[in-house]
Amino acid sequence: MNLNADRLRELQSCYWDGLLKGTIPFWLRHGLDREHGGLLTGLDRDGTVIDTDKALWLQGRAVWTFSTLYNTVRRDDAWLEAARHCLDFIRTKGSGPGGKLYFMVTREGQPLRMRRYTYSECFAAMGCAVYARATGEERAAEEAIGHFARYLRSLEPGGTVPKVDAHTRPMQGVAVLMTTIVIAQEIRAALGDREVEGRTCTAWIDYAVARIERYFYKPELKVLMEVVAPDGAVIDHFDGRTLNPGHAIECAWFILHEAKLRGGDAHLLKLGLGILDCMWERGWDREHGGLFSFTDLKGLPVQEYVAEMKFWWPHNETEIATLLAWQLTRDPKYAAWHHEVHTWSHRVFADPEFGEWFGYAHRDGRIATRLKGNMWKGPFHLPRMQLNCGRIVDELLAEGV
């Protein structure tokens, strides 16, 4: 299967209309809290607010989304104002003791939860970087570097309290490394190849990719592991064997994107495609379609009780990965995979009546909840997919495919 010009034009309309007529208007209409600042994400299907607590990591994601649209699509003042609205909330309500950002606060900004992770800093760094590019504001640029530095320091030994006792069962996770890649990519694109904590952004990308390849990617097992022992060994317990196909495929497209930026770098291309190939095979549900949320390295039952559910975001990441893989290789396999994931996810999750996507489906594709947003779902994975895929399709059509 290949993507011809007629199909690409269909996809072009789907992605750009979905983004600019569905997803973004939904969040501008229903999400912005004009009274207390920031973004409300506890939304029912039609945008009705059903919970007012705010996740700080979603505020940073919203800053990234609206600023990126302003920088790359058109200079729409409503988008820049939405980004500023969310960034102001982070600045005034986000910081806890020592400057670490909260994970969750009340509508008014009173603290509710401080997580041991630094993912609030991760997305604040990305958001501040692209906001600085949009506005030329040096404060935002400095904040981007500061948030990234705090994030990187959390990766050092003792920087984050481990999930389990590190003396009993030491382990390392791929999530922090793949996130390092995307933060560094965003800061570099917006602000240049800045040095942070002793390395340039490009050097941090190289560092993270090398560790992913050395410790987590196991081509002999055809897998990208989520967690491994410090030496890369498989931890033969529930947590150690649990795979997250969507997460791994997201990592794959970060690496493929870096390969593209470097003119088709052969090593990065091979690594990204290898991860995509093996995790598609491990994650795609051949009976009902869609990506499983979790699978087991050995094909054993998974401890996670939502393992067979289908979440919106892995499908978003897989749409990007398969389309990007086809752009870089023209391998018909990736066109076929893209068609499968695109068709399934748009049939299951898209809501043409109210805009945005539902987030959670049962294995057979029945929607599990009509929620459009919560502490985990906001304006990020879906608009990022629509934007990235729209750009790729535009490039392919410009090439005369």
Protein backbone atom coordinates (compact mmCIF):
# COMPACT_ATOMS: atom_id res chain seq x y z
CA MET A 1 0.00 0.00 0.00
CA ASN A 2 1.15 3.54 -0.75
CA LEU A 3 -0.18 6.99 0.01
CA ASN A 4 -1.11 8.61 -3.32
CA ALA A 5 -1.98 12.25 -3.85
CA ASP A 6 -5.73 11.71 -3.54
CA ARG A 7 -5.32 9.95 -0.19
CA LEU A 8 -2.90 12.60 1.03
CA ARG A 9 -5.39 15.35 0.19
CA GLU A 10 -8.04 13.50 2.20
CA LEU A 11 -5.65 13.26 5.14
CA GLN A 12 -4.71 16.91 4.77
CA SER A 13 -8.33 17.97 5.21
CA CYS A 14 -8.85 15.53 8.05
CA TYR A 15 -5.86 16.71 10.07
CA TRP A 16 -6.11 20.45 9.53
CA ASP A 17 -9.90 20.63 9.83
CA GLY A 18 -9.80 18.40 12.88
CA LEU A 19 -7.23 20.65 14.51
CA LEU A 20 -8.49 24.10 13.56
CA LYS A 21 -12.24 23.47 13.43
CA GLY A 22 -12.62 20.84 16.13
CA THR A 23 -9.90 20.39 18.73
CA ILE A 24 -8.62 23.92 19.29
CA PRO A 25 -12.04 25.65 19.27
CA PHE A 26 -13.26 23.09 21.83
CA TRP A 27 -10.52 24.02 24.30
CA LEU A 28 -10.72 27.76 23.67
CA ARG A 29 -14.48 27.67 24.17
CA HIS A 30 -14.65 25.42 27.22
CA GLY A 31 -11.24 25.15 28.86
CA LEU A 32 -9.95 28.63 29.62
CA ASP A 33 -10.76 29.70 33.17
CA ARG A 34 -11.47 33.41 32.79
CA GLU A 35 -12.09 33.83 36.52
CA HIS A 36 -9.06 32.19 38.14
CA GLY A 37 -6.65 31.71 35.26
CA GLY A 38 -5.23 28.63 33.64
CA LEU A 39 -6.98 25.76 31.91
CA LEU A 40 -9.85 23.62 33.17
CA THR A 41 -9.61 20.05 31.87
CA GLY A 42 -12.33 18.16 33.78
CA LEU A 43 -14.79 18.38 30.88
CA ASP A 44 -17.81 16.36 29.82
CA ARG A 45 -18.46 15.42 26.21
CA ASP A 46 -20.00 18.79 25.33
CA GLY A 47 -17.42 20.79 27.27
CA THR A 48 -19.43 21.16 30.47
CA VAL A 49 -17.06 21.61 33.41
CA ILE A 50 -17.48 18.73 35.85
CA ASP A 51 -14.30 19.17 37.90
CA THR A 52 -12.22 22.28 38.55
CA ASP A 53 -8.91 20.97 39.94
CA LYS A 54 -5.98 21.76 37.68
CA ALA A 55 -2.99 19.67 36.68
CA LEU A 56 0.14 21.77 36.26
CA TRP A 57 1.60 19.50 33.61
CA LEU A 58 -1.48 20.15 31.45
CA GLN A 59 -1.01 23.91 31.87
CA GLY A 60 2.50 23.56 30.43
CA ARG A 61 1.22 21.36 27.63
CA ALA A 62 -1.41 23.97 26.76
CA VAL A 63 1.25 26.70 26.65
CA TRP A 64 3.18 24.52 24.20
CA THR A 65 0.16 23.78 22.02
CA PHE A 66 -1.15 27.33 21.68
CA SER A 67 2.32 28.87 21.29
CA THR A 68 3.32 26.30 18.69
CA LEU A 69 0.19 27.01 16.68
CA TYR A 70 0.99 30.72 16.86
CA ASN A 71 4.57 30.10 15.73
CA THR A 72 3.89 27.65 12.93
CA VAL A 73 0.32 27.96 11.63
CA ARG A 74 -0.66 31.62 11.87
CA ARG A 75 -0.13 34.49 14.26
CA ASP A 76 -3.59 34.32 15.84
CA ASP A 77 -3.80 36.59 18.87
CA ALA A 78 -6.38 34.30 20.51
CA TRP A 79 -3.84 31.48 20.54
CA LEU A 80 -1.10 33.62 22.01
CA GLU A 81 -3.46 34.96 24.65
CA ALA A 82 -4.47 31.40 25.60
CA ALA A 83 -0.80 30.48 25.95
CA ARG A 84 -0.13 33.55 28.10
CA HIS A 85 -3.22 32.77 30.19
CA CYS A 86 -1.89 29.31 31.07
CA LEU A 87 1.71 30.43 31.56
CA ASP A 88 0.63 33.16 33.97
CA PHE A 89 -1.13 30.50 36.06
CA ILE A 90 2.05 28.40 36.20
CA ARG A 91 4.07 31.45 37.20
CA THR A 92 1.71 32.59 39.96
CA LYS A 93 0.28 29.32 41.28
CA GLY A 94 2.56 26.51 40.16
CA SER A 95 5.60 26.55 42.42
CA GLY A 96 5.88 24.73 45.71
CA PRO A 97 8.69 24.54 48.28
CA GLY A 98 12.07 24.98 46.67
CA GLY A 99 10.53 26.01 43.38
CA LYS A 100 9.40 22.54 42.32
CA LEU A 101 6.14 22.65 40.40
CA TYR A 102 3.05 21.01 41.82
CA PHE A 103 1.25 18.27 39.94
CA MET A 104 -2.25 19.31 41.00
CA VAL A 105 -3.81 22.43 42.52
CA THR A 106 -7.34 23.67 43.11
CA ARG A 107 -9.12 25.94 40.68
CA GLU A 108 -7.85 28.94 42.62
CA GLY A 109 -4.31 27.55 42.73
CA GLN A 110 -4.13 26.11 46.25
CA PRO A 111 -1.76 23.10 46.43
CA LEU A 112 -3.24 19.61 46.32
CA ARG A 113 -0.51 17.22 45.18
CA MET A 114 3.24 17.28 44.68
CA ARG A 115 4.52 14.25 42.74
CA ARG A 116 8.04 12.89 43.04
CA TYR A 117 8.41 13.13 39.25
CA THR A 118 9.31 16.31 37.39
CA TYR A 119 6.92 16.03 34.45
CA SER A 120 5.32 19.36 35.35
CA GLU A 121 8.77 20.89 34.77
CA CYS A 122 9.15 18.94 31.54
CA PHE A 123 6.12 20.46 29.89
CA ALA A 124 6.68 23.88 31.43
CA ALA A 125 10.13 23.85 29.77
CA MET A 126 8.65 23.00 26.39
CA GLY A 127 5.88 25.56 26.76
CA CYS A 128 8.14 28.37 27.91
CA ALA A 129 10.56 27.75 25.05
CA VAL A 130 7.99 28.06 22.29
CA TYR A 131 6.28 30.96 24.08
CA ALA A 132 9.61 32.76 24.20
CA ARG A 133 9.97 32.25 20.47
CA ALA A 134 6.45 33.61 19.92
CA THR A 135 6.95 36.72 22.02
CA GLY A 136 10.68 37.33 22.22
CA GLU A 137 10.30 37.36 25.99
CA GLU A 138 13.64 36.65 27.64
CA ARG A 139 11.99 35.73 30.93
CA ALA A 140 10.23 32.81 29.26
CA ALA A 141 13.48 31.67 27.64
CA GLU A 142 15.23 31.70 31.01
CA GLU A 143 12.32 29.81 32.57
CA ALA A 144 12.53 27.18 29.85
CA ILE A 145 16.21 26.59 30.61
CA GLY A 146 15.53 26.58 34.34
CA HIS A 147 12.71 24.05 34.13
CA PHE A 148 14.81 21.81 31.89
CA ALA A 149 17.75 22.06 34.28
CA ARG A 150 15.56 21.04 37.21
CA TYR A 151 14.24 18.14 35.15
CA LEU A 152 17.76 16.99 34.27
CA ARG A 153 18.91 17.21 37.89
CA SER A 154 16.04 14.90 38.82
CA LEU A 155 17.66 12.22 36.63
CA GLU A 156 20.82 12.19 38.73
CA PRO A 157 21.25 9.51 41.43
CA GLY A 158 19.09 10.55 44.35
CA GLY A 159 17.35 13.22 42.27
CA THR A 160 13.99 11.46 42.43
CA VAL A 161 12.69 9.14 45.12
CA PRO A 162 12.49 5.72 43.39
CA LYS A 163 9.19 3.93 42.90
CA VAL A 164 10.42 0.87 44.79
CA ASP A 165 13.27 0.45 47.24
CA ALA A 166 16.41 0.96 45.18
CA HIS A 167 18.47 -1.27 47.45
CA THR A 168 16.07 -4.18 47.06
CA ARG A 169 15.26 -3.81 43.37
CA PRO A 170 17.17 -1.05 41.55
CA MET A 171 15.80 -0.10 38.16
CA GLN A 172 15.81 2.61 35.52
CA GLY A 173 13.02 3.77 33.21
CA VAL A 174 12.90 4.77 29.56
CA ALA A 175 10.32 7.54 30.12
CA VAL A 176 12.77 10.09 31.50
CA LEU A 177 15.16 9.53 28.59
CA MET A 178 12.62 9.83 25.80
CA THR A 179 11.23 12.93 27.49
CA THR A 180 14.75 14.38 27.56
CA ILE A 181 14.84 13.99 23.78
CA VAL A 182 11.63 15.89 23.13
CA ILE A 183 12.35 18.71 25.60
CA ALA A 184 15.79 19.24 24.06
CA GLN A 185 14.31 19.16 20.55
CA GLU A 186 11.73 21.80 21.44
CA ILE A 187 14.19 24.11 23.19
CA ARG A 188 16.71 23.78 20.36
CA ALA A 189 14.06 24.56 17.72
CA ALA A 190 12.78 27.57 19.64
CA LEU A 191 15.89 29.04 21.25
CA GLY A 192 18.87 27.48 19.52
CA ASP A 193 21.22 24.76 20.72
CA ARG A 194 21.53 26.10 24.26
CA GLU A 195 23.78 24.55 26.88
CA VAL A 196 21.93 23.23 29.93
CA GLU A 197 23.59 21.48 32.86
CA GLY A 198 26.86 21.03 31.00
CA ARG A 199 25.55 19.76 27.64
CA THR A 200 23.99 21.34 24.59
CA CYS A 201 20.49 20.27 23.66
CA THR A 202 21.89 18.17 20.82
CA ALA A 203 24.32 16.50 23.23
CA TRP A 204 21.44 15.68 25.61
CA ILE A 205 19.57 14.11 22.70
CA ASP A 206 22.62 12.01 21.82
CA TYR A 207 23.01 11.01 25.48
CA ALA A 208 19.39 9.93 25.83
CA VAL A 209 19.30 8.05 22.52
CA ALA A 210 22.49 6.19 23.38
CA ARG A 211 21.12 5.05 26.74
CA ILE A 212 17.81 3.98 25.21
CA GLU A 213 19.65 1.93 22.63
CA ARG A 214 22.12 0.45 25.12
CA TYR A 215 19.79 -0.44 27.97
CA PHE A 216 16.16 -0.55 26.79
CA TYR A 217 16.06 -1.57 23.14
CA LYS A 218 16.55 -5.30 22.78
CA PRO A 219 16.39 -6.27 19.11
CA GLU A 220 17.07 -9.90 19.97
CA LEU A 221 13.81 -9.90 21.93
CA LYS A 222 12.08 -7.50 19.51
CA VAL A 223 11.11 -5.06 22.25
CA LEU A 224 11.65 -1.67 23.82
CA MET A 225 11.43 -2.16 27.58
CA GLU A 226 9.79 0.38 29.90
CA VAL A 227 12.01 -0.44 32.90
CA VAL A 228 15.18 -2.49 33.27
CA ALA A 229 17.85 -3.16 35.85
CA PRO A 230 20.76 -0.69 36.04
CA ASP A 231 22.77 -2.90 33.69
CA GLY A 232 19.87 -3.28 31.26
CA ALA A 233 18.85 -6.76 32.40
CA VAL A 234 15.19 -7.75 32.28
CA ILE A 235 13.49 -7.66 35.69
CA ASP A 236 11.33 -10.78 35.62
CA HIS A 237 8.39 -9.49 37.64
CA PHE A 238 5.09 -7.85 36.72
CA ASP A 239 6.51 -4.33 36.55
CA GLY A 240 9.67 -5.39 34.78
CA ARG A 241 7.86 -7.38 32.08
CA THR A 242 5.09 -4.82 31.44
CA LEU A 243 5.34 -3.10 28.07
CA ASN A 244 3.60 0.10 26.96
CA PRO A 245 3.40 -0.11 23.15
CA GLY A 246 2.08 3.43 22.63
CA HIS A 247 4.77 4.91 24.83
CA ALA A 248 7.49 3.00 23.00
CA ILE A 249 6.12 4.06 19.61
CA GLU A 250 6.13 7.68 20.83
CA CYS A 251 9.82 7.20 21.63
CA ALA A 252 10.31 5.79 18.13
CA TRP A 253 8.95 8.88 16.42
CA PHE A 254 11.05 11.21 18.58
CA ILE A 255 14.08 9.34 17.27
CA LEU A 256 12.76 9.30 13.69
CA HIS A 257 12.15 13.04 13.90
CA GLU A 258 15.75 13.55 14.97
CA ALA A 259 16.87 11.38 12.06
CA LYS A 260 14.85 13.59 9.72
CA LEU A 261 16.34 16.77 11.20
CA ARG A 262 19.80 15.34 10.62
CA GLY A 263 19.18 14.69 6.93
CA GLY A 264 18.08 11.09 7.25
CA ASP A 265 20.76 9.94 9.69
CA ALA A 266 21.07 6.20 8.98
CA HIS A 267 21.75 5.07 12.54
CA LEU A 268 18.85 7.00 14.06
CA LEU A 269 16.57 5.89 11.25
CA LYS A 270 17.40 2.23 11.80
CA LEU A 271 16.88 2.56 15.56
CA GLY A 272 13.57 4.41 15.29
CA LEU A 273 12.20 2.01 12.69
CA GLY A 274 13.34 -0.98 14.71
CA ILE A 275 11.46 0.23 17.79
CA LEU A 276 8.36 1.05 15.75
CA ASP A 277 8.36 -2.34 14.03
CA CYS A 278 8.68 -4.46 17.13
CA MET A 279 6.24 -2.48 19.25
CA TRP A 280 3.57 -2.40 16.54
CA GLU A 281 3.77 -6.19 16.44
CA ARG A 282 3.52 -6.39 20.22
CA GLY A 283 0.80 -3.77 20.59
CA TRP A 284 -1.68 -3.99 17.71
CA ASP A 285 -4.85 -5.93 18.52
CA ARG A 286 -5.36 -8.22 15.54
CA GLU A 287 -8.83 -9.24 16.66
CA HIS A 288 -10.49 -5.88 17.37
CA GLY A 289 -8.01 -3.34 16.05
CA GLY A 290 -6.36 -0.58 18.03
CA LEU A 291 -3.39 -0.63 20.37
CA PHE A 292 -3.44 -2.40 23.70
CA SER A 293 -2.51 -0.16 26.61
CA PHE A 294 -0.15 -2.74 28.10
CA THR A 295 1.26 -6.10 27.12
CA ASP A 296 3.70 -8.53 28.71
CA LEU A 297 7.22 -9.28 27.48
CA LYS A 298 6.53 -13.02 27.60
CA GLY A 299 2.91 -12.88 26.53
CA LEU A 300 1.75 -13.52 30.10
CA PRO A 301 -1.24 -11.86 31.79
CA VAL A 302 -0.59 -8.24 32.71
CA GLN A 303 -1.13 -6.87 36.20
CA GLU A 304 -2.56 -3.58 34.89
CA TYR A 305 -6.34 -4.03 34.84
CA VAL A 306 -6.73 -1.56 31.96
CA ALA A 307 -4.30 -3.53 29.79
CA GLU A 308 -6.86 -4.38 27.11
CA MET A 309 -8.42 -0.91 27.03
CA LYS A 310 -7.62 1.45 24.18
CA PHE A 311 -6.53 4.99 25.09
CA TRP A 312 -6.58 7.93 22.66
CA TRP A 313 -2.96 9.00 23.04
CA PRO A 314 -1.14 5.82 21.90
CA HIS A 315 -3.12 6.03 18.69
CA ASN A 316 -2.13 9.69 18.27
CA GLU A 317 1.55 8.77 18.67
CA THR A 318 1.26 5.84 16.30
CA GLU A 319 -0.35 7.97 13.60
CA ILE A 320 2.64 10.29 13.73
CA ALA A 321 5.17 7.45 13.84
CA THR A 322 3.76 5.47 10.91
CA LEU A 323 3.26 8.52 8.68
CA LEU A 324 6.75 9.81 9.46
CA ALA A 325 8.20 6.35 8.83
CA TRP A 326 6.54 6.25 5.42
CA GLN A 327 7.80 9.73 4.58
CA LEU A 328 11.36 8.67 5.43
CA THR A 329 11.31 5.23 3.76
CA ARG A 330 8.34 4.93 1.35
CA ASP A 331 7.94 1.39 2.68
CA PRO A 332 4.34 0.27 1.89
CA LYS A 333 4.18 -1.44 5.29
CA TYR A 334 4.10 1.91 7.05
CA ALA A 335 1.40 3.26 4.74
CA ALA A 336 -0.71 0.21 5.58
CA TRP A 337 -0.11 0.59 9.31
CA HIS A 338 -0.94 4.27 9.13
CA HIS A 339 -4.19 3.48 7.34
CA GLU A 340 -5.10 0.94 10.03
CA VAL A 341 -4.44 3.17 13.02
CA HIS A 342 -5.91 6.27 11.40
CA THR A 343 -9.11 4.53 10.36
CA TRP A 344 -9.60 2.77 13.70
CA SER A 345 -8.86 5.73 15.93
CA HIS A 346 -10.92 8.27 13.98
CA ARG A 347 -13.87 5.87 13.93
CA VAL A 348 -13.65 5.16 17.66
CA PHE A 349 -12.46 8.34 19.39
CA ALA A 350 -13.45 11.29 17.18
CA ASP A 351 -16.60 13.21 18.10
CA PRO A 352 -17.83 15.23 15.10
CA GLU A 353 -20.77 16.61 17.07
CA PHE A 354 -18.90 18.45 19.84
CA GLY A 355 -15.27 18.33 18.72
CA GLU A 356 -12.20 16.88 20.44
CA TRP A 357 -11.85 13.12 21.00
CA PHE A 358 -13.06 10.77 23.63
CA GLY A 359 -10.13 9.38 25.55
CA TYR A 360 -10.95 5.86 26.65
CA ALA A 361 -12.47 2.86 24.89
CA HIS A 362 -13.01 -0.79 25.68
CA ARG A 363 -11.10 -3.39 23.71
CA ASP A 364 -13.85 -3.71 21.11
CA GLY A 365 -13.96 0.04 20.50
CA ARG A 366 -16.98 0.93 22.63
CA ILE A 367 -16.40 4.25 24.39
CA ALA A 368 -15.84 3.69 28.11
CA THR A 369 -16.49 7.26 29.32
CA ARG A 370 -17.76 10.41 27.65
CA LEU A 371 -15.08 12.52 29.35
CA LYS A 372 -13.16 14.82 27.03
CA GLY A 373 -10.60 15.82 29.65
CA ASN A 374 -9.30 15.04 33.13
CA MET A 375 -6.01 15.20 35.05
CA TRP A 376 -4.30 13.26 32.23
CA LYS A 377 -6.06 14.43 29.09
CA GLY A 378 -5.90 17.99 27.80
CA PRO A 379 -4.98 19.83 24.59
CA PHE A 380 -1.74 18.05 23.80
CA HIS A 381 -1.51 14.56 22.26
CA LEU A 382 -4.39 15.04 19.83
CA PRO A 383 -3.49 18.53 18.57
CA ARG A 384 0.19 17.57 18.44
CA MET A 385 -0.74 14.62 16.23
CA GLN A 386 -3.00 16.68 13.99
CA LEU A 387 -0.34 19.37 13.66
CA ASN A 388 2.56 16.99 12.99
CA CYS A 389 0.63 14.82 10.56
CA GLY A 390 -0.77 17.87 8.81
CA ARG A 391 2.74 19.21 8.32
CA ILE A 392 4.04 15.87 7.00
CA VAL A 393 1.18 15.60 4.53
CA ASP A 394 1.80 19.18 3.37
CA GLU A 395 5.48 18.30 2.80
CA LEU A 396 4.59 15.16 0.86
CA LEU A 397 2.13 17.00 -1.39
CA ALA A 398 4.69 19.76 -1.95
CA GLU A 399 7.13 17.08 -3.08
CA GLY A 400 4.62 16.00 -5.72
CA VAL A 401 3.85 12.58 -4.22
